[in-house]
Amino acid sequence: MPNCGTLPDFGNFTIREGEKYDRYKGIRELMPYAKGVRAKTYDFDEQGNETSMDFRRILRIVLKAHYHGYIGKEYEGSRLSEKQGILATQKLLTGVGKSLSQPG
């Protein structure tokens, strides 16, 4: 159905407690049906990179699927406030997006 699709979420790949599905494979499998994408973050290093996943790799998968729609942001960490975490997520998405759009 044209109005039915997926919402790949960078952080939702738990099968059951202690067992995870490969997030990169899962996002690749869901992207052909994506109606939206959610960039979930948990923590950031000193350079502003997410510490539990490779955002650059994930955004390459998203772009390779020719997705150019909205990317929602969600911060589930505890070190930053919710607002600071969402702003850090936006900064990361913008930076990685710009670097991927550069030639070469």
N, C-alpha and C. Protein backbone atom coordinates (compact mmCIF):
# COMPACT_ATOMS: atom_id res chain seq x y z
N MET A 1 0.84 -1.18 0.00
CA MET A 1 0.00 0.00 0.00
C MET A 1 0.89 1.25 0.00
N PRO A 2 0.56 2.23 -0.78
CA PRO A 2 1.41 3.42 -0.87
C PRO A 2 1.47 4.24 0.43
N ASN A 3 0.49 4.10 1.29
CA ASN A 3 0.49 4.87 2.54
C ASN A 3 1.00 4.05 3.73
N CYS A 4 1.64 2.96 3.45
CA CYS A 4 2.17 2.10 4.51
C CYS A 4 3.68 1.93 4.28
N GLY A 5 4.44 2.04 5.35
CA GLY A 5 5.88 1.92 5.19
C GLY A 5 6.57 1.70 6.52
N THR A 6 7.87 1.90 6.53
CA THR A 6 8.67 1.68 7.72
C THR A 6 9.22 3.02 8.25
N LEU A 7 9.68 2.98 9.49
CA LEU A 7 10.35 4.11 10.12
C LEU A 7 11.65 3.59 10.73
N PRO A 8 12.68 3.45 9.89
CA PRO A 8 13.95 2.97 10.43
C PRO A 8 14.45 3.90 11.54
N ASP A 9 14.73 3.31 12.67
CA ASP A 9 15.18 4.03 13.87
C ASP A 9 16.58 3.53 14.18
N PHE A 10 17.56 4.42 14.18
CA PHE A 10 18.96 4.03 14.33
C PHE A 10 19.21 3.21 15.59
N GLY A 11 18.34 3.29 16.58
CA GLY A 11 18.60 2.62 17.86
C GLY A 11 17.69 1.47 18.20
N ASN A 12 16.73 1.12 17.38
CA ASN A 12 15.75 0.09 17.75
C ASN A 12 16.01 -1.24 17.05
N PHE A 13 17.05 -1.93 17.48
CA PHE A 13 17.36 -3.21 16.88
C PHE A 13 17.60 -4.29 17.93
N THR A 14 16.89 -4.18 19.05
CA THR A 14 16.96 -5.20 20.09
C THR A 14 15.94 -6.28 19.77
N ILE A 15 16.39 -7.51 19.69
CA ILE A 15 15.50 -8.64 19.46
C ILE A 15 14.86 -9.05 20.78
N ARG A 16 15.71 -9.23 21.77
CA ARG A 16 15.28 -9.50 23.15
C ARG A 16 16.45 -9.11 24.03
N GLU A 17 16.25 -9.07 25.31
CA GLU A 17 17.31 -8.66 26.22
C GLU A 17 18.58 -9.47 25.96
N GLY A 18 19.66 -8.76 25.71
CA GLY A 18 20.94 -9.41 25.47
C GLY A 18 21.18 -9.83 24.03
N GLU A 19 20.19 -9.62 23.16
CA GLU A 19 20.34 -10.02 21.75
C GLU A 19 19.94 -8.87 20.83
N LYS A 20 20.85 -8.48 19.96
CA LYS A 20 20.61 -7.36 19.05
C LYS A 20 20.71 -7.83 17.59
N TYR A 21 19.91 -7.19 16.76
CA TYR A 21 19.98 -7.39 15.31
C TYR A 21 21.00 -6.38 14.78
N ASP A 22 21.75 -6.73 13.77
CA ASP A 22 22.74 -5.82 13.19
C ASP A 22 22.03 -4.57 12.67
N ARG A 23 22.30 -3.44 13.31
CA ARG A 23 21.59 -2.19 12.98
C ARG A 23 21.82 -1.76 11.54
N TYR A 24 23.02 -1.94 11.03
CA TYR A 24 23.32 -1.50 9.67
C TYR A 24 22.58 -2.36 8.65
N LYS A 25 22.54 -3.64 8.89
CA LYS A 25 21.77 -4.55 8.02
C LYS A 25 20.28 -4.23 8.12
N GLY A 26 19.80 -4.02 9.33
CA GLY A 26 18.38 -3.71 9.53
C GLY A 26 17.96 -2.42 8.84
N ILE A 27 18.76 -1.40 8.96
CA ILE A 27 18.44 -0.13 8.30
C ILE A 27 18.45 -0.32 6.79
N ARG A 28 19.45 -1.04 6.28
CA ARG A 28 19.51 -1.34 4.84
C ARG A 28 18.24 -2.07 4.39
N GLU A 29 17.77 -3.01 5.18
CA GLU A 29 16.58 -3.79 4.82
C GLU A 29 15.29 -2.95 4.89
N LEU A 30 15.24 -1.99 5.80
CA LEU A 30 14.03 -1.18 5.97
C LEU A 30 13.94 0.02 5.04
N MET A 31 15.07 0.52 4.58
CA MET A 31 15.09 1.77 3.81
C MET A 31 14.27 1.75 2.52
N PRO A 32 14.17 0.66 1.80
CA PRO A 32 13.34 0.72 0.58
C PRO A 32 11.87 1.03 0.86
N TYR A 33 11.42 0.85 2.08
CA TYR A 33 10.02 1.07 2.45
C TYR A 33 9.83 2.27 3.38
N ALA A 34 10.89 3.03 3.60
CA ALA A 34 10.87 4.10 4.61
C ALA A 34 9.97 5.27 4.20
N LYS A 35 9.15 5.66 5.14
CA LYS A 35 8.32 6.87 5.01
C LYS A 35 8.90 7.98 5.87
N GLY A 36 9.83 7.62 6.73
CA GLY A 36 10.52 8.54 7.61
C GLY A 36 11.72 7.82 8.19
N VAL A 37 12.60 8.55 8.85
CA VAL A 37 13.80 7.99 9.47
C VAL A 37 13.97 8.66 10.82
N ARG A 38 14.44 7.91 11.81
CA ARG A 38 14.68 8.49 13.13
C ARG A 38 16.14 8.29 13.52
N ALA A 39 16.81 9.40 13.77
CA ALA A 39 18.20 9.39 14.23
C ALA A 39 18.18 9.40 15.76
N LYS A 40 18.40 8.25 16.34
CA LYS A 40 18.43 8.15 17.80
C LYS A 40 19.88 8.17 18.27
N THR A 41 20.14 8.93 19.33
CA THR A 41 21.48 9.00 19.91
C THR A 41 21.42 8.71 21.40
N TYR A 42 22.59 8.31 21.92
CA TYR A 42 22.72 7.97 23.33
C TYR A 42 23.81 8.77 24.03
N ASP A 43 24.93 8.99 23.36
CA ASP A 43 26.03 9.75 23.94
C ASP A 43 26.97 10.20 22.83
N PHE A 44 27.79 11.20 23.15
CA PHE A 44 28.69 11.79 22.17
C PHE A 44 30.10 11.87 22.73
N ASP A 45 31.09 11.74 21.85
CA ASP A 45 32.48 11.92 22.26
C ASP A 45 32.83 13.41 22.18
N GLU A 46 34.09 13.73 22.43
CA GLU A 46 34.53 15.13 22.45
C GLU A 46 34.39 15.82 21.09
N GLN A 47 34.42 15.04 20.01
CA GLN A 47 34.27 15.61 18.67
C GLN A 47 32.81 15.70 18.22
N GLY A 48 31.88 15.25 19.06
CA GLY A 48 30.47 15.31 18.73
C GLY A 48 29.94 14.10 17.99
N ASN A 49 30.74 13.03 17.91
CA ASN A 49 30.29 11.80 17.26
C ASN A 49 29.53 10.92 18.24
N GLU A 50 28.54 10.21 17.74
CA GLU A 50 27.79 9.27 18.57
C GLU A 50 28.72 8.12 18.92
N THR A 51 28.70 7.69 20.18
CA THR A 51 29.69 6.71 20.63
C THR A 51 29.28 5.25 20.42
N SER A 52 28.00 4.98 20.16
CA SER A 52 27.57 3.59 20.06
C SER A 52 27.29 3.11 18.64
N MET A 53 27.39 4.03 17.67
CA MET A 53 27.14 3.63 16.28
C MET A 53 27.85 4.58 15.34
N ASP A 54 28.00 4.14 14.10
CA ASP A 54 28.68 4.91 13.06
C ASP A 54 27.65 5.68 12.23
N PHE A 55 27.42 6.94 12.61
CA PHE A 55 26.42 7.75 11.92
C PHE A 55 26.76 7.94 10.45
N ARG A 56 28.03 8.08 10.13
CA ARG A 56 28.44 8.25 8.74
C ARG A 56 28.02 7.03 7.91
N ARG A 57 28.27 5.86 8.45
CA ARG A 57 27.88 4.62 7.76
C ARG A 57 26.37 4.53 7.58
N ILE A 58 25.63 4.89 8.64
CA ILE A 58 24.17 4.84 8.57
C ILE A 58 23.64 5.83 7.54
N LEU A 59 24.13 7.06 7.56
CA LEU A 59 23.63 8.05 6.61
C LEU A 59 24.00 7.69 5.16
N ARG A 60 25.10 7.01 4.97
CA ARG A 60 25.41 6.51 3.62
C ARG A 60 24.33 5.52 3.17
N ILE A 61 23.91 4.64 4.08
CA ILE A 61 22.85 3.67 3.76
C ILE A 61 21.56 4.41 3.41
N VAL A 62 21.21 5.41 4.22
CA VAL A 62 19.99 6.20 3.99
C VAL A 62 20.05 6.88 2.62
N LEU A 63 21.16 7.51 2.31
CA LEU A 63 21.28 8.21 1.02
C LEU A 63 21.34 7.25 -0.16
N LYS A 64 21.97 6.11 0.03
CA LYS A 64 22.04 5.11 -1.05
C LYS A 64 20.65 4.60 -1.42
N ALA A 65 19.73 4.63 -0.45
CA ALA A 65 18.35 4.22 -0.70
C ALA A 65 17.54 5.35 -1.36
N HIS A 66 18.21 6.47 -1.68
CA HIS A 66 17.58 7.63 -2.31
C HIS A 66 16.50 8.27 -1.43
N TYR A 67 16.71 8.17 -0.13
CA TYR A 67 15.79 8.81 0.80
C TYR A 67 16.22 10.26 1.00
N HIS A 68 15.29 11.17 0.82
CA HIS A 68 15.58 12.60 1.01
C HIS A 68 14.46 13.27 1.79
N GLY A 69 13.80 12.49 2.64
CA GLY A 69 12.71 13.03 3.45
C GLY A 69 13.20 13.49 4.81
N TYR A 70 12.27 13.56 5.73
CA TYR A 70 12.57 14.04 7.08
C TYR A 70 13.33 12.99 7.89
N ILE A 71 14.21 13.48 8.74
CA ILE A 71 14.88 12.63 9.72
C ILE A 71 14.55 13.21 11.09
N GLY A 72 13.77 12.46 11.85
CA GLY A 72 13.45 12.88 13.21
C GLY A 72 14.65 12.65 14.12
N LYS A 73 14.69 13.38 15.21
CA LYS A 73 15.81 13.26 16.15
C LYS A 73 15.28 12.85 17.51
N GLU A 74 16.01 11.94 18.14
CA GLU A 74 15.65 11.48 19.48
C GLU A 74 16.92 11.22 20.27
N TYR A 75 16.98 11.78 21.47
CA TYR A 75 18.13 11.57 22.35
C TYR A 75 17.66 10.75 23.55
N GLU A 76 18.29 9.61 23.78
CA GLU A 76 17.94 8.75 24.90
C GLU A 76 19.08 8.62 25.91
N GLY A 77 20.02 9.52 25.87
CA GLY A 77 21.13 9.48 26.80
C GLY A 77 20.77 10.11 28.13
N SER A 78 21.74 10.06 29.03
CA SER A 78 21.51 10.63 30.36
C SER A 78 22.54 11.71 30.71
N ARG A 79 23.58 11.85 29.94
CA ARG A 79 24.64 12.79 30.27
C ARG A 79 24.22 14.23 29.93
N LEU A 80 23.50 14.43 28.84
CA LEU A 80 23.04 15.75 28.43
C LEU A 80 21.55 15.89 28.75
N SER A 81 21.08 17.12 28.78
CA SER A 81 19.63 17.32 28.90
C SER A 81 18.99 16.87 27.58
N GLU A 82 17.68 16.69 27.58
CA GLU A 82 16.99 16.28 26.36
C GLU A 82 17.23 17.30 25.25
N LYS A 83 17.11 18.58 25.57
CA LYS A 83 17.32 19.63 24.56
C LYS A 83 18.76 19.62 24.06
N GLN A 84 19.73 19.53 24.96
CA GLN A 84 21.14 19.51 24.54
C GLN A 84 21.43 18.29 23.67
N GLY A 85 20.84 17.14 24.02
CA GLY A 85 21.04 15.92 23.24
C GLY A 85 20.47 16.02 21.85
N ILE A 86 19.29 16.62 21.73
CA ILE A 86 18.67 16.79 20.42
C ILE A 86 19.47 17.77 19.57
N LEU A 87 19.94 18.85 20.20
CA LEU A 87 20.77 19.81 19.47
C LEU A 87 22.09 19.17 19.02
N ALA A 88 22.68 18.33 19.87
CA ALA A 88 23.91 17.62 19.50
C ALA A 88 23.65 16.65 18.35
N THR A 89 22.48 16.01 18.37
CA THR A 89 22.11 15.09 17.29
C THR A 89 21.95 15.85 15.99
N GLN A 90 21.29 17.01 16.04
CA GLN A 90 21.12 17.84 14.84
C GLN A 90 22.47 18.28 14.28
N LYS A 91 23.36 18.70 15.17
CA LYS A 91 24.70 19.13 14.73
C LYS A 91 25.45 17.99 14.06
N LEU A 92 25.35 16.79 14.63
CA LEU A 92 26.00 15.62 14.05
C LEU A 92 25.42 15.30 12.68
N LEU A 93 24.09 15.27 12.57
CA LEU A 93 23.44 14.99 11.29
C LEU A 93 23.85 16.01 10.22
N THR A 94 23.85 17.26 10.59
CA THR A 94 24.22 18.32 9.64
C THR A 94 25.67 18.17 9.19
N GLY A 95 26.56 17.93 10.14
CA GLY A 95 27.98 17.79 9.80
C GLY A 95 28.25 16.58 8.92
N VAL A 96 27.67 15.45 9.28
CA VAL A 96 27.88 14.25 8.48
C VAL A 96 27.23 14.42 7.11
N GLY A 97 26.03 14.98 7.08
CA GLY A 97 25.36 15.21 5.81
C GLY A 97 26.17 16.08 4.87
N LYS A 98 26.74 17.16 5.40
CA LYS A 98 27.58 18.04 4.58
C LYS A 98 28.81 17.31 4.07
N SER A 99 29.43 16.52 4.94
CA SER A 99 30.65 15.81 4.52
C SER A 99 30.34 14.76 3.45
N LEU A 100 29.17 14.15 3.50
CA LEU A 100 28.82 13.14 2.51
C LEU A 100 28.42 13.78 1.18
N SER A 101 28.01 15.04 1.20
CA SER A 101 27.61 15.69 -0.03
C SER A 101 28.79 16.34 -0.76
N GLN A 102 29.96 16.33 -0.12
CA GLN A 102 31.16 16.90 -0.74
C GLN A 102 31.69 15.94 -1.81
N PRO A 103 32.11 16.46 -2.95
CA PRO A 103 32.69 15.57 -3.98
C PRO A 103 33.99 14.93 -3.49
N GLY A 104 34.20 13.73 -3.96
CA GLY A 104 35.45 13.03 -3.63
C GLY A 104 35.27 12.15 -2.52
